[in-house]
Amino acid sequence: MFFRNQRFFESASVPWPYLFGRWAPPTRATKALAVAPRYPDALVIGCDQVATADGVILGKPGNHARAAAQLRMLSGRTATFLTALCVHNTRTGHSSERTVPYQVTFRELDETTIESYLDKERPYDCTGSAKSEGLGIALIAKMQGEDPNALVGLPLIALVELLAENGLRVA
């Protein structure tokens, strides 16, 4: 799978094999352990994201109708995106995990804006239905957090720390 942050790994000279898996935060360690036997001398890196707004948990919508419903719900509200990261060292059996929050405040969105955006971007595999790295930035009024990379799916600051904990220096 082509990974959107692949340039980070190439420029950091991170050697392969590394596995980039995606899973929901509560099960990330379980799934890392499930694939670990296939990679006996590797760091298994996994991450995924959920969002919360007004007590509702939002994931990846999967289709147009659910994406439109998510954007209607997020209109004018602030959501917290929680990006979970796990690095499992198959050599030692040790897993390190972090969850990185990121706050996103959405603009007031009308139906025309929502439908136009969804027709152009089709963010059905994106938590919260808005890709900040694409046209979704037009839906966002404000973003706040420790690591903007967390919002697009891989918190690189936390990843550098977890890799260092496992003996892999990036710089």
Protein backbone atom coordinates (compact mmCIF):
# COMPACT_ATOMS: atom_id res chain seq x y z
CA MET A 1 0.00 0.00 0.00
CA PHE A 2 1.32 3.47 -0.81
CA PHE A 3 1.48 5.40 2.40
CA ARG A 4 0.79 9.15 2.29
CA ASN A 5 3.77 9.81 4.61
CA GLN A 6 6.12 7.58 2.63
CA ARG A 7 8.49 10.50 1.94
CA PHE A 8 9.08 10.86 5.69
CA PHE A 9 10.30 7.28 5.90
CA GLU A 10 12.39 7.49 2.75
CA SER A 11 14.11 10.73 3.84
CA ALA A 12 14.71 9.33 7.33
CA SER A 13 16.37 6.25 5.79
CA VAL A 14 14.08 3.98 7.77
CA PRO A 15 15.01 0.46 6.66
CA TRP A 16 12.42 -2.09 5.63
CA PRO A 17 10.63 -4.29 6.53
CA TYR A 18 8.18 -2.07 8.35
CA LEU A 19 4.49 -2.71 8.13
CA PHE A 20 1.92 0.03 8.07
CA GLY A 21 -1.39 -1.29 9.31
CA ARG A 22 -4.55 0.60 10.12
CA TRP A 23 -6.99 -0.22 12.88
CA ALA A 24 -9.25 1.34 15.45
CA PRO A 25 -7.52 2.63 18.60
CA PRO A 26 -9.02 0.09 21.05
CA THR A 27 -7.77 -2.87 18.98
CA ARG A 28 -4.50 -1.59 17.54
CA ALA A 29 -2.23 -3.64 19.83
CA THR A 30 -4.28 -6.80 19.30
CA LYS A 31 -4.01 -6.48 15.55
CA ALA A 32 -0.30 -5.64 15.71
CA LEU A 33 0.24 -8.86 17.61
CA ALA A 34 -1.83 -10.74 15.04
CA VAL A 35 0.44 -9.72 12.13
CA ALA A 36 3.71 -9.69 14.09
CA PRO A 37 4.54 -13.41 13.53
CA ARG A 38 4.84 -12.72 9.79
CA TYR A 39 7.59 -10.16 10.49
CA PRO A 40 10.02 -11.73 12.98
CA ASP A 41 12.59 -8.89 12.97
CA ALA A 42 10.65 -5.70 12.37
CA LEU A 43 8.86 -2.78 13.88
CA VAL A 44 5.16 -3.08 13.12
CA ILE A 45 3.66 0.41 12.91
CA GLY A 46 -0.07 0.88 13.08
CA CYS A 47 -2.34 3.84 13.44
CA ASP A 48 -5.94 4.83 13.07
CA GLN A 49 -8.26 7.56 14.08
CA VAL A 50 -11.66 8.32 15.54
CA ALA A 51 -13.28 11.67 16.18
CA THR A 52 -15.65 12.79 18.89
CA ALA A 53 -18.07 15.69 18.81
CA ASP A 54 -20.81 16.35 21.33
CA GLY A 55 -20.34 12.87 22.79
CA VAL A 56 -20.75 11.12 19.43
CA ILE A 57 -17.93 8.94 18.11
CA LEU A 58 -17.26 9.32 14.40
CA GLY A 59 -15.26 6.96 12.26
CA LYS A 60 -14.82 6.56 8.54
CA PRO A 61 -18.23 7.07 6.92
CA GLY A 62 -17.86 4.52 4.12
CA ASN A 63 -20.43 6.11 1.82
CA HIS A 64 -21.93 9.39 0.66
CA ALA A 65 -25.01 9.39 2.91
CA ARG A 66 -23.01 8.82 6.12
CA ALA A 67 -20.37 11.37 5.06
CA ALA A 68 -23.08 14.00 4.48
CA ALA A 69 -24.62 13.18 7.89
CA GLN A 70 -21.21 13.54 9.59
CA LEU A 71 -20.58 16.92 7.97
CA ARG A 72 -24.07 18.16 8.89
CA MET A 73 -23.39 17.14 12.48
CA LEU A 74 -19.94 18.78 12.51
CA SER A 75 -21.16 22.06 10.98
CA GLY A 76 -20.21 24.91 13.32
CA ARG A 77 -18.85 22.52 15.96
CA THR A 78 -15.47 21.52 17.30
CA ALA A 79 -14.43 17.88 17.05
CA THR A 80 -11.52 16.13 18.73
CA PHE A 81 -9.69 13.74 16.44
CA LEU A 82 -7.83 11.02 18.33
CA THR A 83 -5.07 9.37 16.33
CA ALA A 84 -3.77 6.21 17.93
CA LEU A 85 -0.29 4.93 17.16
CA CYS A 86 1.33 1.63 18.07
CA VAL A 87 4.89 0.48 17.38
CA HIS A 88 5.38 -3.21 18.08
CA ASN A 89 8.92 -4.57 18.12
CA THR A 90 8.67 -8.17 16.94
CA ARG A 91 12.22 -8.90 18.07
CA THR A 92 11.56 -7.96 21.72
CA GLY A 93 7.80 -8.42 21.87
CA HIS A 94 7.39 -4.90 23.31
CA SER A 95 4.64 -2.54 22.13
CA SER A 96 4.67 1.22 22.61
CA GLU A 97 1.49 3.22 22.13
CA ARG A 98 0.39 6.84 22.01
CA THR A 99 -2.87 8.62 21.29
CA VAL A 100 -2.52 12.14 19.92
CA PRO A 101 -5.51 14.53 20.08
CA TYR A 102 -6.17 17.27 17.55
CA GLN A 103 -8.99 19.83 17.70
CA VAL A 104 -10.81 20.88 14.54
CA THR A 105 -13.48 23.57 14.42
CA PHE A 106 -15.71 23.37 11.36
CA ARG A 107 -17.26 26.32 9.57
CA GLU A 108 -21.04 26.57 9.29
CA LEU A 109 -21.76 24.25 6.34
CA ASP A 110 -24.83 24.48 4.13
CA GLU A 111 -26.16 21.58 2.02
CA THR A 112 -24.72 23.00 -1.21
CA THR A 113 -21.23 23.19 0.31
CA ILE A 114 -21.48 19.68 1.77
CA GLU A 115 -22.70 18.11 -1.47
CA SER A 116 -20.20 19.99 -3.63
CA TYR A 117 -17.34 18.94 -1.36
CA LEU A 118 -18.41 15.30 -1.23
CA ASP A 119 -18.83 15.14 -5.02
CA LYS A 120 -15.30 16.49 -5.53
CA GLU A 121 -13.33 14.82 -2.71
CA ARG A 122 -15.27 11.62 -1.92
CA PRO A 123 -13.73 11.32 1.58
CA TYR A 124 -15.55 8.12 2.48
CA ASP A 125 -12.42 6.52 3.97
CA CYS A 126 -11.64 9.57 6.12
CA THR A 127 -12.63 9.98 9.76
CA GLY A 128 -15.01 12.91 10.05
CA SER A 129 -15.45 13.10 6.26
CA ALA A 130 -13.12 16.08 5.75
CA LYS A 131 -9.60 15.72 4.36
CA SER A 132 -7.66 18.70 5.68
CA GLU A 133 -4.83 17.91 3.26
CA GLY A 134 -7.22 18.41 0.34
CA LEU A 135 -10.38 20.38 -0.38
CA GLY A 136 -11.65 19.65 3.13
CA ILE A 137 -9.55 22.54 4.38
CA ALA A 138 -12.30 24.81 3.02
CA LEU A 139 -14.69 23.28 5.58
CA ILE A 140 -12.43 24.04 8.53
CA ALA A 141 -12.33 27.29 10.50
CA LYS A 142 -9.61 26.38 13.00
CA MET A 143 -7.19 23.58 13.85
CA GLN A 144 -5.23 23.15 17.07
CA GLY A 145 -2.93 20.44 18.38
CA GLU A 146 0.58 19.20 19.04
CA ASP A 147 1.19 17.59 15.66
CA PRO A 148 -0.70 18.52 12.47
CA ASN A 149 0.35 15.18 10.98
CA ALA A 150 -1.93 13.48 13.50
CA LEU A 151 -4.94 14.94 11.74
CA VAL A 152 -4.00 13.30 8.43
CA GLY A 153 -3.49 9.93 10.06
CA LEU A 154 0.08 9.53 11.30
CA PRO A 155 1.42 11.60 14.22
CA LEU A 156 5.04 11.89 13.12
CA ILE A 157 6.30 13.58 16.29
CA ALA A 158 5.04 10.68 18.44
CA LEU A 159 6.28 8.17 15.85
CA VAL A 160 9.83 9.57 16.00
CA GLU A 161 9.72 9.18 19.80
CA LEU A 162 8.42 5.60 19.64
CA LEU A 163 10.99 4.62 17.00
CA ALA A 164 13.77 6.07 19.20
CA GLU A 165 12.44 4.05 22.16
CA ASN A 166 12.94 1.01 19.94
CA GLY A 167 16.51 1.94 19.00
CA LEU A 168 15.80 3.50 15.61
CA ARG A 169 17.08 7.05 15.26
CA VAL A 170 15.38 8.98 12.48
CA ALA A 171 17.79 11.94 12.27
